[in-house]
Structures are given as C-alpha cells and as structure tokens.
Full PDB file with SEQRES, HELIX, SHEET, SSBOND, CRYST1, ORIGX, SCALE, CONECT and MASTER records, all heavy atoms in Angstrom:
SEQRES   1 A   36  GLU MET LEU ALA VAL HIS TRP PRO ALA ALA LEU GLY ILE          
SEQRES   2 A   36  GLY LEU ILE LEU PHE LEU LEU SER VAL ALA PRO LEU ALA          
SEQRES   3 A   36  LEU GLU PHE ILE ALA PRO SER LEU SER ALA                      
HELIX    1 AA1 LEU A    3  ILE A   30  1                                  28    
HELIX    2 AA2 PRO A   32  LEU A   34  5                                   3    
CRYST1    1.000    1.000    1.000  90.00  90.00  90.00 P 1           1          
ORIGX1      1.000000  0.000000  0.000000        0.00000                         
ORIGX2      0.000000  1.000000  0.000000        0.00000                         
ORIGX3      0.000000  0.000000  1.000000        0.00000                         
SCALE1      1.000000  0.000000  0.000000        0.00000                         
SCALE2      0.000000  1.000000  0.000000        0.00000                         
SCALE3      0.000000  0.000000  1.000000        0.00000                         
ATOM      1  N   GLU A   1      -2.024  10.132  -8.857  1.00  0.00           N  
ATOM      2  CA  GLU A   1      -2.890   9.157  -9.525  1.00  0.00           C  
ATOM      3  C   GLU A   1      -2.940   7.839  -8.747  1.00  0.00           C  
ATOM      4  O   GLU A   1      -4.020   7.262  -8.552  1.00  0.00           O  
ATOM      5  CB  GLU A   1      -2.379   8.903 -10.944  1.00  0.00           C  
ATOM      6  CG  GLU A   1      -2.492  10.113 -11.864  1.00  0.00           C  
ATOM      7  CD  GLU A   1      -1.735   9.922 -13.163  1.00  0.00           C  
ATOM      8  OE1 GLU A   1      -1.011   8.897 -13.298  1.00  0.00           O  
ATOM      9  OE2 GLU A   1      -1.853  10.793 -14.050  1.00  0.00           O  
ATOM     10  N   MET A   2      -1.777   7.359  -8.310  1.00  0.00           N  
ATOM     11  CA  MET A   2      -1.723   6.062  -7.636  1.00  0.00           C  
ATOM     12  C   MET A   2      -2.468   6.058  -6.310  1.00  0.00           C  
ATOM     13  O   MET A   2      -2.994   5.026  -5.878  1.00  0.00           O  
ATOM     14  CB  MET A   2      -0.261   5.651  -7.400  1.00  0.00           C  
ATOM     15  CG  MET A   2       0.494   5.287  -8.645  1.00  0.00           C  
ATOM     16  SD  MET A   2       2.173   4.717  -8.278  1.00  0.00           S  
ATOM     17  CE  MET A   2       1.832   3.154  -7.459  1.00  0.00           C  
ATOM     18  N   LEU A   3      -2.510   7.209  -5.654  1.00  0.00           N  
ATOM     19  CA  LEU A   3      -3.125   7.281  -4.331  1.00  0.00           C  
ATOM     20  C   LEU A   3      -4.529   7.869  -4.373  1.00  0.00           C  
ATOM     21  O   LEU A   3      -5.054   8.299  -3.347  1.00  0.00           O  
ATOM     22  CB  LEU A   3      -2.233   8.098  -3.384  1.00  0.00           C  
ATOM     23  CG  LEU A   3      -0.900   7.422  -3.074  1.00  0.00           C  
ATOM     24  CD1 LEU A   3       0.036   8.368  -2.328  1.00  0.00           C  
ATOM     25  CD2 LEU A   3      -1.120   6.148  -2.257  1.00  0.00           C  
ATOM     26  N   ALA A   4      -5.130   7.848  -5.545  1.00  0.00           N  
ATOM     27  CA  ALA A   4      -6.498   8.354  -5.660  1.00  0.00           C  
ATOM     28  C   ALA A   4      -7.449   7.576  -4.757  1.00  0.00           C  
ATOM     29  O   ALA A   4      -8.402   8.131  -4.198  1.00  0.00           O  
ATOM     30  CB  ALA A   4      -6.964   8.264  -7.113  1.00  0.00           C  
ATOM     31  N   VAL A   5      -7.201   6.279  -4.608  1.00  0.00           N  
ATOM     32  CA  VAL A   5      -8.040   5.425  -3.758  1.00  0.00           C  
ATOM     33  C   VAL A   5      -7.350   5.128  -2.435  1.00  0.00           C  
ATOM     34  O   VAL A   5      -7.985   5.083  -1.381  1.00  0.00           O  
ATOM     35  CB  VAL A   5      -8.383   4.110  -4.493  1.00  0.00           C  
ATOM     36  CG1 VAL A   5      -9.132   3.150  -3.567  1.00  0.00           C  
ATOM     37  CG2 VAL A   5      -9.206   4.397  -5.738  1.00  0.00           C  
ATOM     38  N   HIS A   6      -6.043   4.956  -2.474  1.00  0.00           N  
ATOM     39  CA  HIS A   6      -5.301   4.507  -1.286  1.00  0.00           C  
ATOM     40  C   HIS A   6      -4.760   5.655  -0.430  1.00  0.00           C  
ATOM     41  O   HIS A   6      -3.929   5.412   0.445  1.00  0.00           O  
ATOM     42  CB  HIS A   6      -4.139   3.602  -1.719  1.00  0.00           C  
ATOM     43  CG  HIS A   6      -4.576   2.336  -2.389  1.00  0.00           C  
ATOM     44  ND1 HIS A   6      -5.192   1.308  -1.706  1.00  0.00           N  
ATOM     45  CD2 HIS A   6      -4.497   1.937  -3.690  1.00  0.00           C  
ATOM     46  CE1 HIS A   6      -5.469   0.327  -2.549  1.00  0.00           C  
ATOM     47  NE2 HIS A   6      -5.061   0.683  -3.747  1.00  0.00           N  
ATOM     48  N   TRP A   7      -5.218   6.876  -0.672  1.00  0.00           N  
ATOM     49  CA  TRP A   7      -4.680   8.002   0.104  1.00  0.00           C  
ATOM     50  C   TRP A   7      -4.917   7.872   1.604  1.00  0.00           C  
ATOM     51  O   TRP A   7      -4.064   8.350   2.385  1.00  0.00           O  
ATOM     52  CB  TRP A   7      -5.231   9.332  -0.431  1.00  0.00           C  
ATOM     53  CG  TRP A   7      -6.709   9.536  -0.249  1.00  0.00           C  
ATOM     54  CD1 TRP A   7      -7.690   9.250  -1.147  1.00  0.00           C  
ATOM     55  CD2 TRP A   7      -7.351  10.083   0.899  1.00  0.00           C  
ATOM     56  NE1 TRP A   7      -8.917   9.573  -0.628  1.00  0.00           N  
ATOM     57  CE2 TRP A   7      -8.745  10.085   0.630  1.00  0.00           C  
ATOM     58  CE3 TRP A   7      -6.908  10.561   2.122  1.00  0.00           C  
ATOM     59  CZ2 TRP A   7      -9.683  10.555   1.544  1.00  0.00           C  
ATOM     60  CZ3 TRP A   7      -7.840  11.032   3.047  1.00  0.00           C  
ATOM     61  CH2 TRP A   7      -9.208  11.028   2.751  1.00  0.00           C  
ATOM     62  N   PRO A   8      -6.010   7.232   2.100  1.00  0.00           N  
ATOM     63  CA  PRO A   8      -6.138   7.100   3.555  1.00  0.00           C  
ATOM     64  C   PRO A   8      -5.013   6.271   4.177  1.00  0.00           C  
ATOM     65  O   PRO A   8      -4.557   6.555   5.290  1.00  0.00           O  
ATOM     66  CB  PRO A   8      -7.496   6.431   3.745  1.00  0.00           C  
ATOM     67  CG  PRO A   8      -8.267   6.785   2.514  1.00  0.00           C  
ATOM     68  CD  PRO A   8      -7.240   6.762   1.434  1.00  0.00           C  
ATOM     69  N   ALA A   9      -4.567   5.239   3.455  1.00  0.00           N  
ATOM     70  CA  ALA A   9      -3.455   4.437   3.960  1.00  0.00           C  
ATOM     71  C   ALA A   9      -2.186   5.277   4.017  1.00  0.00           C  
ATOM     72  O   ALA A   9      -1.442   5.236   5.000  1.00  0.00           O  
ATOM     73  CB  ALA A   9      -3.237   3.215   3.069  1.00  0.00           C  
ATOM     74  N   ALA A  10      -1.944   6.060   2.954  1.00  0.00           N  
ATOM     75  CA  ALA A  10      -0.766   6.930   2.938  1.00  0.00           C  
ATOM     76  C   ALA A  10      -0.836   7.960   4.056  1.00  0.00           C  
ATOM     77  O   ALA A  10       0.173   8.247   4.720  1.00  0.00           O  
ATOM     78  CB  ALA A  10      -0.657   7.633   1.581  1.00  0.00           C  
ATOM     79  N   LEU A  11      -2.020   8.501   4.286  1.00  0.00           N  
ATOM     80  CA  LEU A  11      -2.181   9.498   5.348  1.00  0.00           C  
ATOM     81  C   LEU A  11      -1.914   8.881   6.715  1.00  0.00           C  
ATOM     82  O   LEU A  11      -1.199   9.468   7.541  1.00  0.00           O  
ATOM     83  CB  LEU A  11      -3.591  10.082   5.304  1.00  0.00           C  
ATOM     84  CG  LEU A  11      -3.920  11.146   6.363  1.00  0.00           C  
ATOM     85  CD1 LEU A  11      -2.984  12.339   6.230  1.00  0.00           C  
ATOM     86  CD2 LEU A  11      -5.375  11.589   6.244  1.00  0.00           C  
ATOM     87  N   GLY A  12      -2.466   7.697   6.951  1.00  0.00           N  
ATOM     88  CA  GLY A  12      -2.257   7.027   8.236  1.00  0.00           C  
ATOM     89  C   GLY A  12      -0.794   6.700   8.469  1.00  0.00           C  
ATOM     90  O   GLY A  12      -0.245   6.966   9.550  1.00  0.00           O  
ATOM     91  N   ILE A  13      -0.142   6.162   7.455  1.00  0.00           N  
ATOM     92  CA  ILE A  13       1.277   5.813   7.568  1.00  0.00           C  
ATOM     93  C   ILE A  13       2.114   7.069   7.811  1.00  0.00           C  
ATOM     94  O   ILE A  13       2.959   7.119   8.716  1.00  0.00           O  
ATOM     95  CB  ILE A  13       1.751   5.107   6.282  1.00  0.00           C  
ATOM     96  CG1 ILE A  13       1.065   3.746   6.135  1.00  0.00           C  
ATOM     97  CG2 ILE A  13       3.272   4.943   6.274  1.00  0.00           C  
ATOM     98  CD1 ILE A  13       1.132   3.183   4.733  1.00  0.00           C  
ATOM     99  N   GLY A  14       1.862   8.087   7.003  1.00  0.00           N  
ATOM    100  CA  GLY A  14       2.631   9.310   7.120  1.00  0.00           C  
ATOM    101  C   GLY A  14       2.471   9.997   8.461  1.00  0.00           C  
ATOM    102  O   GLY A  14       3.455  10.449   9.058  1.00  0.00           O  
ATOM    103  N   LEU A  15       1.234  10.055   8.950  1.00  0.00           N  
ATOM    104  CA  LEU A  15       0.985  10.735  10.222  1.00  0.00           C  
ATOM    105  C   LEU A  15       1.602   9.973  11.398  1.00  0.00           C  
ATOM    106  O   LEU A  15       2.189  10.580  12.305  1.00  0.00           O  
ATOM    107  CB  LEU A  15      -0.514  10.923  10.434  1.00  0.00           C  
ATOM    108  CG  LEU A  15      -1.182  12.018   9.606  1.00  0.00           C  
ATOM    109  CD1 LEU A  15      -2.668  12.108   9.941  1.00  0.00           C  
ATOM    110  CD2 LEU A  15      -0.508  13.368   9.819  1.00  0.00           C  
ATOM    111  N   ILE A  16       1.466   8.646  11.392  1.00  0.00           N  
ATOM    112  CA  ILE A  16       2.020   7.848  12.486  1.00  0.00           C  
ATOM    113  C   ILE A  16       3.536   8.030  12.568  1.00  0.00           C  
ATOM    114  O   ILE A  16       4.105   8.265  13.644  1.00  0.00           O  
ATOM    115  CB  ILE A  16       1.659   6.357  12.309  1.00  0.00           C  
ATOM    116  CG1 ILE A  16       0.157   6.157  12.556  1.00  0.00           C  
ATOM    117  CG2 ILE A  16       2.477   5.479  13.266  1.00  0.00           C  
ATOM    118  CD1 ILE A  16      -0.345   4.779  12.171  1.00  0.00           C  
ATOM    119  N   LEU A  17       4.202   7.952  11.426  1.00  0.00           N  
ATOM    120  CA  LEU A  17       5.662   8.074  11.423  1.00  0.00           C  
ATOM    121  C   LEU A  17       6.107   9.515  11.660  1.00  0.00           C  
ATOM    122  O   LEU A  17       7.150   9.756  12.279  1.00  0.00           O  
ATOM    123  CB  LEU A  17       6.219   7.532  10.116  1.00  0.00           C  
ATOM    124  CG  LEU A  17       6.034   6.013   9.957  1.00  0.00           C  
ATOM    125  CD1 LEU A  17       6.389   5.565   8.547  1.00  0.00           C  
ATOM    126  CD2 LEU A  17       6.858   5.252  10.982  1.00  0.00           C  
ATOM    127  N   PHE A  18       5.318  10.468  11.180  1.00  0.00           N  
ATOM    128  CA  PHE A  18       5.642  11.872  11.462  1.00  0.00           C  
ATOM    129  C   PHE A  18       5.529  12.160  12.954  1.00  0.00           C  
ATOM    130  O   PHE A  18       6.409  12.816  13.535  1.00  0.00           O  
ATOM    131  CB  PHE A  18       4.706  12.788  10.680  1.00  0.00           C  
ATOM    132  CG  PHE A  18       4.850  14.242  11.042  1.00  0.00           C  
ATOM    133  CD1 PHE A  18       5.936  14.984  10.602  1.00  0.00           C  
ATOM    134  CD2 PHE A  18       3.911  14.866  11.849  1.00  0.00           C  
ATOM    135  CE1 PHE A  18       6.077  16.320  10.945  1.00  0.00           C  
ATOM    136  CE2 PHE A  18       4.046  16.197  12.204  1.00  0.00           C  
ATOM    137  CZ  PHE A  18       5.131  16.931  11.746  1.00  0.00           C  
ATOM    138  N   LEU A  19       4.461  11.682  13.579  1.00  0.00           N  
ATOM    139  CA  LEU A  19       4.297  11.899  15.020  1.00  0.00           C  
ATOM    140  C   LEU A  19       5.425  11.240  15.809  1.00  0.00           C  
ATOM    141  O   LEU A  19       5.892  11.786  16.814  1.00  0.00           O  
ATOM    142  CB  LEU A  19       2.936  11.360  15.473  1.00  0.00           C  
ATOM    143  CG  LEU A  19       1.724  12.155  14.974  1.00  0.00           C  
ATOM    144  CD1 LEU A  19       0.423  11.452  15.365  1.00  0.00           C  
ATOM    145  CD2 LEU A  19       1.744  13.583  15.515  1.00  0.00           C  
ATOM    146  N   LEU A  20       5.875  10.067  15.336  1.00  0.00           N  
ATOM    147  CA  LEU A  20       7.005   9.413  15.994  1.00  0.00           C  
ATOM    148  C   LEU A  20       8.270  10.262  15.867  1.00  0.00           C  
ATOM    149  O   LEU A  20       9.040  10.404  16.829  1.00  0.00           O  
ATOM    150  CB  LEU A  20       7.238   8.031  15.381  1.00  0.00           C  
ATOM    151  CG  LEU A  20       8.418   7.221  15.941  1.00  0.00           C  
ATOM    152  CD1 LEU A  20       8.233   6.958  17.422  1.00  0.00           C  
ATOM    153  CD2 LEU A  20       8.569   5.910  15.176  1.00  0.00           C  
ATOM    154  N   SER A  21       8.468  10.862  14.700  1.00  0.00           N  
ATOM    155  CA  SER A  21       9.687  11.644  14.475  1.00  0.00           C  
ATOM    156  C   SER A  21       9.690  12.954  15.265  1.00  0.00           C  
ATOM    157  O   SER A  21      10.759  13.471  15.598  1.00  0.00           O  
ATOM    158  CB  SER A  21       9.868  11.934  12.981  1.00  0.00           C  
ATOM    159  OG  SER A  21       8.847  12.794  12.499  1.00  0.00           O  
ATOM    160  N   VAL A  22       8.504  13.506  15.564  1.00  0.00           N  
ATOM    161  CA  VAL A  22       8.460  14.777  16.310  1.00  0.00           C  
ATOM    162  C   VAL A  22       8.128  14.575  17.785  1.00  0.00           C  
ATOM    163  O   VAL A  22       8.113  15.549  18.550  1.00  0.00           O  
ATOM    164  CB  VAL A  22       7.440  15.760  15.690  1.00  0.00           C  
ATOM    165  CG1 VAL A  22       7.804  16.078  14.250  1.00  0.00           C  
ATOM    166  CG2 VAL A  22       6.013  15.224  15.786  1.00  0.00           C  
ATOM    167  N   ALA A  23       7.867  13.340  18.198  1.00  0.00           N  
ATOM    168  CA  ALA A  23       7.528  13.081  19.604  1.00  0.00           C  
ATOM    169  C   ALA A  23       8.587  13.594  20.570  1.00  0.00           C  
ATOM    170  O   ALA A  23       8.242  14.179  21.612  1.00  0.00           O  
ATOM    171  CB  ALA A  23       7.280  11.583  19.811  1.00  0.00           C  
ATOM    172  N   PRO A  24       9.890  13.402  20.290  1.00  0.00           N  
ATOM    173  CA  PRO A  24      10.905  13.929  21.217  1.00  0.00           C  
ATOM    174  C   PRO A  24      10.825  15.445  21.390  1.00  0.00           C  
ATOM    175  O   PRO A  24      11.057  15.966  22.483  1.00  0.00           O  
ATOM    176  CB  PRO A  24      12.224  13.516  20.559  1.00  0.00           C  
ATOM    177  CG  PRO A  24      11.881  12.336  19.725  1.00  0.00           C  
ATOM    178  CD  PRO A  24      10.507  12.618  19.208  1.00  0.00           C  
ATOM    179  N   LEU A  25      10.498  16.160  20.307  1.00  0.00           N  
ATOM    180  CA  LEU A  25      10.361  17.614  20.401  1.00  0.00           C  
ATOM    181  C   LEU A  25       9.206  17.987  21.313  1.00  0.00           C  
ATOM    182  O   LEU A  25       9.309  18.932  22.117  1.00  0.00           O  
ATOM    183  CB  LEU A  25      10.153  18.217  19.012  1.00  0.00           C  
ATOM    184  CG  LEU A  25      11.323  18.107  18.027  1.00  0.00           C  
ATOM    185  CD1 LEU A  25      10.930  18.672  16.673  1.00  0.00           C  
ATOM    186  CD2 LEU A  25      12.542  18.818  18.570  1.00  0.00           C  
ATOM    187  N   ALA A  26       8.103  17.244  21.173  1.00  0.00           N  
ATOM    188  CA  ALA A  26       6.949  17.509  22.027  1.00  0.00           C  
ATOM    189  C   ALA A  26       7.276  17.231  23.483  1.00  0.00           C  
ATOM    190  O   ALA A  26       6.892  17.999  24.385  1.00  0.00           O  
ATOM    191  CB  ALA A  26       5.766  16.651  21.568  1.00  0.00           C  
ATOM    192  N   LEU A  27       8.003  16.150  23.726  1.00  0.00           N  
ATOM    193  CA  LEU A  27       8.379  15.808  25.106  1.00  0.00           C  
ATOM    194  C   LEU A  27       9.312  16.867  25.692  1.00  0.00           C  
ATOM    195  O   LEU A  27       9.171  17.245  26.860  1.00  0.00           O  
ATOM    196  CB  LEU A  27       9.060  14.441  25.121  1.00  0.00           C  
ATOM    197  CG  LEU A  27       9.479  13.905  26.502  1.00  0.00           C  
ATOM    198  CD1 LEU A  27       8.276  13.799  27.417  1.00  0.00           C  
ATOM    199  CD2 LEU A  27      10.160  12.546  26.357  1.00  0.00           C  
ATOM    200  N   GLU A  28      10.220  17.365  24.866  1.00  0.00           N  
ATOM    201  CA  GLU A  28      11.141  18.394  25.356  1.00  0.00           C  
ATOM    202  C   GLU A  28      10.394  19.691  25.656  1.00  0.00           C  
ATOM    203  O   GLU A  28      10.741  20.424  26.585  1.00  0.00           O  
ATOM    204  CB  GLU A  28      12.235  18.638  24.321  1.00  0.00           C  
ATOM    205  CG  GLU A  28      13.328  19.573  24.811  1.00  0.00           C  
ATOM    206  CD  GLU A  28      14.532  19.592  23.882  1.00  0.00           C  
ATOM    207  OE1 GLU A  28      14.592  18.742  22.977  1.00  0.00           O  
ATOM    208  OE2 GLU A  28      15.391  20.463  24.070  1.00  0.00           O  
ATOM    209  N   PHE A  29       9.357  19.969  24.866  1.00  0.00           N  
ATOM    210  CA  PHE A  29       8.548  21.171  25.104  1.00  0.00           C  
ATOM    211  C   PHE A  29       7.772  21.039  26.405  1.00  0.00           C  
ATOM    212  O   PHE A  29       7.632  22.006  27.164  1.00  0.00           O  
ATOM    213  CB  PHE A  29       7.590  21.386  23.932  1.00  0.00           C  
ATOM    214  CG  PHE A  29       6.697  22.583  24.091  1.00  0.00           C  
ATOM    215  CD1 PHE A  29       7.182  23.858  23.839  1.00  0.00           C  
ATOM    216  CD2 PHE A  29       5.375  22.431  24.487  1.00  0.00           C  
ATOM    217  CE1 PHE A  29       6.356  24.969  23.989  1.00  0.00           C  
ATOM    218  CE2 PHE A  29       4.546  23.533  24.639  1.00  0.00           C  
ATOM    219  CZ  PHE A  29       5.043  24.814  24.388  1.00  0.00           C  
ATOM    220  N   ILE A  30       7.270  19.810  26.660  1.00  0.00           N  
ATOM    221  CA  ILE A  30       6.487  19.579  27.872  1.00  0.00           C  
ATOM    222  C   ILE A  30       7.382  19.558  29.107  1.00  0.00           C  
ATOM    223  O   ILE A  30       7.023  20.083  30.167  1.00  0.00           O  
ATOM    224  CB  ILE A  30       5.703  18.247  27.751  1.00  0.00           C  
ATOM    225  CG1 ILE A  30       4.674  18.346  26.620  1.00  0.00           C  
ATOM    226  CG2 ILE A  30       5.010  17.899  29.063  1.00  0.00           C  
ATOM    227  CD1 ILE A  30       4.025  17.028  26.273  1.00  0.00           C  
ATOM    228  N   ALA A  31       8.543  18.906  28.967  1.00  0.00           N  
ATOM    229  CA  ALA A  31       9.462  18.767  30.106  1.00  0.00           C  
ATOM    230  C   ALA A  31      10.854  19.255  29.722  1.00  0.00           C  
ATOM    231  O   ALA A  31      11.766  18.450  29.492  1.00  0.00           O  
ATOM    232  CB  ALA A  31       9.506  17.317  30.571  1.00  0.00           C  
ATOM    233  N   PRO A  32      11.072  20.572  29.624  1.00  0.00           N  
ATOM    234  CA  PRO A  32      12.377  21.101  29.194  1.00  0.00           C  
ATOM    235  C   PRO A  32      13.511  20.782  30.154  1.00  0.00           C  
ATOM    236  O   PRO A  32      14.684  20.829  29.769  1.00  0.00           O  
ATOM    237  CB  PRO A  32      12.127  22.617  29.124  1.00  0.00           C  
ATOM    238  CG  PRO A  32      10.943  22.854  30.011  1.00  0.00           C  
ATOM    239  CD  PRO A  32      10.099  21.625  29.905  1.00  0.00           C  
ATOM    240  N   SER A  33      13.188  20.433  31.380  1.00  0.00           N  
ATOM    241  CA  SER A  33      14.242  20.126  32.353  1.00  0.00           C  
ATOM    242  C   SER A  33      15.012  18.865  31.988  1.00  0.00           C  
ATOM    243  O   SER A  33      16.158  18.685  32.417  1.00  0.00           O  
ATOM    244  CB  SER A  33      13.637  19.972  33.746  1.00  0.00           C  
ATOM    245  OG  SER A  33      12.696  18.906  33.764  1.00  0.00           O  
ATOM    246  N   LEU A  34      14.383  17.973  31.205  1.00  0.00           N  
ATOM    247  CA  LEU A  34      15.062  16.728  30.824  1.00  0.00           C  
ATOM    248  C   LEU A  34      16.324  17.016  30.015  1.00  0.00           C  
ATOM    249  O   LEU A  34      17.347  16.351  30.183  1.00  0.00           O  
ATOM    250  CB  LEU A  34      14.110  15.840  30.022  1.00  0.00           C  
ATOM    251  CG  LEU A  34      12.931  15.239  30.793  1.00  0.00           C  
ATOM    252  CD1 LEU A  34      11.986  14.522  29.838  1.00  0.00           C  
ATOM    253  CD2 LEU A  34      13.444  14.270  31.850  1.00  0.00           C  
ATOM    254  N   SER A  35      16.239  17.992  29.128  1.00  0.00           N  
ATOM    255  CA  SER A  35      17.393  18.341  28.310  1.00  0.00           C  
ATOM    256  C   SER A  35      18.543  18.856  29.169  1.00  0.00           C  
ATOM    257  O   SER A  35      19.704  18.476  28.968  1.00  0.00           O  
ATOM    258  CB  SER A  35      16.994  19.395  27.272  1.00  0.00           C  
ATOM    259  OG  SER A  35      18.103  19.779  26.500  1.00  0.00           O  
ATOM    260  N   ALA A  36      18.204  19.703  30.120  1.00  0.00           N  
ATOM    261  CA  ALA A  36      19.243  20.251  31.001  1.00  0.00           C  
ATOM    262  C   ALA A  36      19.831  19.177  31.906  1.00  0.00           C  
ATOM    263  O   ALA A  36      21.030  19.182  32.211  1.00  0.00           O  
ATOM    264  CB  ALA A  36      18.650  21.381  31.836  1.00  0.00           C  
TER     265      ALA A  36                                                      
MASTER        0    0    0    2    0    0    0    6  264    1    0    3          
END                                                                             
C-alpha cells in the first residue's frame, strides 16, 4: 500500500544496492584469475 506511488524510488534504490552487492561476483566471473 505504501509503495503504490513510490515504487519507482524503491525499485531504483533496491536495484542500485543489489547491483553493488553482487558486483564482486560479476567481477570474479569475468576475471576468475583474480581470486587465484
């Protein structure tokens, strides 16, 4: 109910922080040698 109007803000916030949290995984997938 609360995000009936403000859902775009929630989506933007959630996606930005989610991408930040998974960015290291993406980098490791792209450059697996870094881990080794």
